[in-house]
Amino acid sequence: MITKDMTIGEVVNADSSKAQILMSFGMGCVGCPSAQAETIAEAATVHGLKLDDLLEALNK
């Protein structure tokens, strides 16, 4: 289960198919070094996304 406190790096390293989901939400730089250390919650805030919607998509 993916949580808001996991980093983008953790999520993508655990399941590389999640990168496509993140990109579909407008996160084009999921492989960038700074993005790797960003939590899902931080990324949602930076990109103006609803955290619950993002987590729901990532956990399908």
Protein backbone atom coordinates (compact mmCIF):
# COMPACT_ATOMS: atom_id res chain seq x y z
CA MET A 1 0.00 0.00 0.00
CA ILE A 2 1.31 3.39 -1.00
CA THR A 3 1.06 6.11 1.65
CA LYS A 4 1.44 9.89 1.63
CA ASP A 5 4.75 9.61 3.49
CA MET A 6 6.46 7.41 0.91
CA THR A 7 8.88 9.11 -1.46
CA ILE A 8 8.43 9.09 -5.20
CA GLY A 9 11.67 7.14 -5.39
CA GLU A 10 10.34 4.43 -3.07
CA VAL A 11 7.11 4.14 -5.04
CA VAL A 12 8.77 3.94 -8.46
CA ASN A 13 11.53 1.60 -7.27
CA ALA A 14 8.93 -0.78 -5.82
CA ASP A 15 6.80 -0.74 -8.98
CA SER A 16 8.04 1.08 -12.07
CA SER A 17 4.53 1.09 -13.59
CA LYS A 18 3.57 3.69 -10.97
CA ALA A 19 5.72 6.25 -12.84
CA GLN A 20 3.12 6.32 -15.62
CA ILE A 21 0.37 7.08 -13.09
CA LEU A 22 2.41 9.89 -11.56
CA MET A 23 3.07 11.33 -15.02
CA SER A 24 -0.64 11.16 -15.85
CA PHE A 25 -1.17 13.51 -12.90
CA GLY A 26 1.27 16.01 -14.41
CA MET A 27 4.43 14.92 -12.63
CA GLY A 28 6.75 14.86 -15.61
CA CYS A 29 9.98 14.61 -13.68
CA VAL A 30 9.50 11.46 -11.61
CA GLY A 31 13.08 10.42 -12.38
CA CYS A 32 14.71 13.72 -11.39
CA PRO A 33 17.00 13.54 -8.34
CA SER A 34 14.97 16.11 -6.38
CA ALA A 35 11.71 14.30 -7.12
CA GLN A 36 13.14 11.01 -5.87
CA ALA A 37 13.31 12.36 -2.31
CA GLU A 38 9.93 14.13 -2.41
CA THR A 39 7.04 12.45 -0.58
CA ILE A 40 3.75 11.75 -2.30
CA ALA A 41 2.12 14.38 -0.05
CA GLU A 42 4.75 16.99 -0.96
CA ALA A 43 4.41 16.21 -4.65
CA ALA A 44 0.63 16.54 -4.49
CA THR A 45 0.98 19.94 -2.83
CA VAL A 46 3.60 21.21 -5.31
CA HIS A 47 1.47 20.12 -8.26
CA GLY A 48 -1.84 21.35 -6.81
CA LEU A 49 -3.34 17.87 -6.71
CA LYS A 50 -5.84 16.28 -4.37
CA LEU A 51 -3.80 13.86 -2.29
CA ASP A 52 -6.68 11.40 -1.89
CA ASP A 53 -7.19 11.18 -5.67
CA LEU A 54 -3.49 10.55 -6.25
CA LEU A 55 -3.27 7.88 -3.55
CA GLU A 56 -6.40 6.16 -4.86
CA ALA A 57 -4.90 5.94 -8.35
CA LEU A 58 -1.54 4.71 -7.07
CA ASN A 59 -3.14 2.01 -4.92
CA LYS A 60 -5.36 0.51 -7.65
